[in-house]
Amino acid sequence: MAIGAEDYIDQLLVKKYADEKVDNHDNIESMVDPQKMLGAMNDYASMHRNMMLLKQRLNIACYAINARSARYNKTAQQY
């Protein structure tokens, strides 16, 4: 799969819009402080990572409890 304009109409559109500016971030003030947003994202990622580790430890503990309390019965095998 190629990237870019493949036919004549797409090439013309690329030429037409090549110099257009669509996002002017310099002119707009953000309503959210970027450092606060990055801090919140970091807190969310940290909490998610801790929850995954807790879930993993809980799974290991439950597996150990189930394995320790398991009772196996011998049955006659039929071939």
C-alpha atoms as a PDB file:
ATOM      1  CA  MET A   1       0.000   0.000   0.000  1.00  0.00           C
ATOM      2  CA  ALA A   2       1.471   3.291  -1.082  1.00  0.00           C
ATOM      3  CA  ILE A   3       1.316   6.524   0.856  1.00  0.00           C
ATOM      4  CA  GLY A   4       0.479   9.691  -1.004  1.00  0.00           C
ATOM      5  CA  ALA A   5      -1.566  10.835  -3.953  1.00  0.00           C
ATOM      6  CA  GLU A   6      -2.128   8.070  -6.473  1.00  0.00           C
ATOM      7  CA  ASP A   7      -4.283   9.691  -9.135  1.00  0.00           C
ATOM      8  CA  TYR A   8      -4.411  13.108 -10.787  1.00  0.00           C
ATOM      9  CA  ILE A   9      -7.255  14.502  -8.639  1.00  0.00           C
ATOM     10  CA  ASP A  10      -5.447  13.579  -5.413  1.00  0.00           C
ATOM     11  CA  GLN A  11      -2.253  15.219  -6.704  1.00  0.00           C
ATOM     12  CA  LEU A  12      -4.137  18.435  -7.438  1.00  0.00           C
ATOM     13  CA  LEU A  13      -5.690  18.399  -3.962  1.00  0.00           C
ATOM     14  CA  VAL A  14      -2.272  17.889  -2.384  1.00  0.00           C
ATOM     15  CA  LYS A  15      -0.880  20.857  -4.313  1.00  0.00           C
ATOM     16  CA  LYS A  16      -3.873  23.014  -3.386  1.00  0.00           C
ATOM     17  CA  TYR A  17      -3.767  22.311   0.359  1.00  0.00           C
ATOM     18  CA  ALA A  18      -0.007  21.902   0.815  1.00  0.00           C
ATOM     19  CA  ASP A  19       0.499  25.427   2.182  1.00  0.00           C
ATOM     20  CA  GLU A  20      -2.770  25.749   4.115  1.00  0.00           C
ATOM     21  CA  LYS A  21      -2.608  26.112   7.875  1.00  0.00           C
ATOM     22  CA  VAL A  22      -5.415  24.398   9.702  1.00  0.00           C
ATOM     23  CA  ASP A  23      -4.222  24.443  13.308  1.00  0.00           C
ATOM     24  CA  ASN A  24      -2.934  27.655  14.843  1.00  0.00           C
ATOM     25  CA  HIS A  25      -1.958  26.584  18.321  1.00  0.00           C
ATOM     26  CA  ASP A  26       0.065  29.728  18.870  1.00  0.00           C
ATOM     27  CA  ASN A  27      -3.022  31.930  18.706  1.00  0.00           C
ATOM     28  CA  ILE A  28      -5.188  29.971  21.127  1.00  0.00           C
ATOM     29  CA  GLU A  29      -4.665  29.799  24.872  1.00  0.00           C
ATOM     30  CA  SER A  30      -5.335  26.414  26.387  1.00  0.00           C
ATOM     31  CA  MET A  31      -7.976  26.258  29.093  1.00  0.00           C
ATOM     32  CA  VAL A  32      -6.063  23.397  30.762  1.00  0.00           C
ATOM     33  CA  ASP A  33      -2.583  23.777  32.186  1.00  0.00           C
ATOM     34  CA  PRO A  34      -0.381  21.281  30.290  1.00  0.00           C
ATOM     35  CA  GLN A  35       1.647  20.400  33.392  1.00  0.00           C
ATOM     36  CA  LYS A  36      -1.514  19.628  35.362  1.00  0.00           C
ATOM     37  CA  MET A  37      -2.819  17.498  32.497  1.00  0.00           C
ATOM     38  CA  LEU A  38       0.437  15.542  32.273  1.00  0.00           C
ATOM     39  CA  GLY A  39       0.433  15.111  36.045  1.00  0.00           C
ATOM     40  CA  ALA A  40      -3.127  13.759  35.952  1.00  0.00           C
ATOM     41  CA  MET A  41      -2.218  11.375  33.129  1.00  0.00           C
ATOM     42  CA  ASN A  42       0.812  10.204  35.089  1.00  0.00           C
ATOM     43  CA  ASP A  43      -1.326   9.619  38.193  1.00  0.00           C
ATOM     44  CA  TYR A  44      -3.856   7.639  36.149  1.00  0.00           C
ATOM     45  CA  ALA A  45      -1.119   5.485  34.573  1.00  0.00           C
ATOM     46  CA  SER A  46       0.487   4.890  37.953  1.00  0.00           C
ATOM     47  CA  MET A  47      -2.828   3.833  39.492  1.00  0.00           C
ATOM     48  CA  HIS A  48      -3.560   1.517  36.570  1.00  0.00           C
ATOM     49  CA  ARG A  49      -0.120  -0.092  36.884  1.00  0.00           C
ATOM     50  CA  ASN A  50      -0.597  -0.590  40.641  1.00  0.00           C
ATOM     51  CA  MET A  51      -4.029  -2.142  40.099  1.00  0.00           C
ATOM     52  CA  MET A  52      -2.569  -4.567  37.556  1.00  0.00           C
ATOM     53  CA  LEU A  53       0.167  -5.594  39.998  1.00  0.00           C
ATOM     54  CA  LEU A  54      -2.403  -6.028  42.774  1.00  0.00           C
ATOM     55  CA  LYS A  55      -4.589  -8.155  40.501  1.00  0.00           C
ATOM     56  CA  GLN A  56      -1.607 -10.312  39.584  1.00  0.00           C
ATOM     57  CA  ARG A  57      -0.695 -10.858  43.249  1.00  0.00           C
ATOM     58  CA  LEU A  58      -4.324 -11.650  44.082  1.00  0.00           C
ATOM     59  CA  ASN A  59      -4.478 -14.199  41.252  1.00  0.00           C
ATOM     60  CA  ILE A  60      -1.299 -15.863  42.525  1.00  0.00           C
ATOM     61  CA  ALA A  61      -2.674 -16.005  46.083  1.00  0.00           C
ATOM     62  CA  CYS A  62      -6.032 -17.412  44.945  1.00  0.00           C
ATOM     63  CA  TYR A  63      -4.302 -20.007  42.800  1.00  0.00           C
ATOM     64  CA  ALA A  64      -2.157 -21.082  45.756  1.00  0.00           C
ATOM     65  CA  ILE A  65      -5.189 -21.347  48.066  1.00  0.00           C
ATOM     66  CA  ASN A  66      -7.158 -23.350  45.504  1.00  0.00           C
ATOM     67  CA  ALA A  67      -4.212 -25.664  44.838  1.00  0.00           C
ATOM     68  CA  ARG A  68      -3.662 -26.238  48.569  1.00  0.00           C
ATOM     69  CA  SER A  69      -7.320 -27.001  49.287  1.00  0.00           C
ATOM     70  CA  ALA A  70      -7.905 -29.227  46.253  1.00  0.00           C
ATOM     71  CA  ARG A  71      -8.854 -32.836  46.929  1.00  0.00           C
ATOM     72  CA  TYR A  72      -8.301 -35.436  44.296  1.00  0.00           C
ATOM     73  CA  ASN A  73     -10.328 -38.642  44.104  1.00  0.00           C
ATOM     74  CA  LYS A  74      -9.091 -41.781  42.450  1.00  0.00           C
ATOM     75  CA  THR A  75     -11.524 -43.244  39.989  1.00  0.00           C
ATOM     76  CA  ALA A  76     -11.407 -46.464  38.080  1.00  0.00           C
ATOM     77  CA  GLN A  77     -10.086 -45.901  34.612  1.00  0.00           C
ATOM     78  CA  GLN A  78     -11.797 -47.581  31.725  1.00  0.00           C
ATOM     79  CA  TYR A  79      -9.862 -48.219  28.548  1.00  0.00           C
END
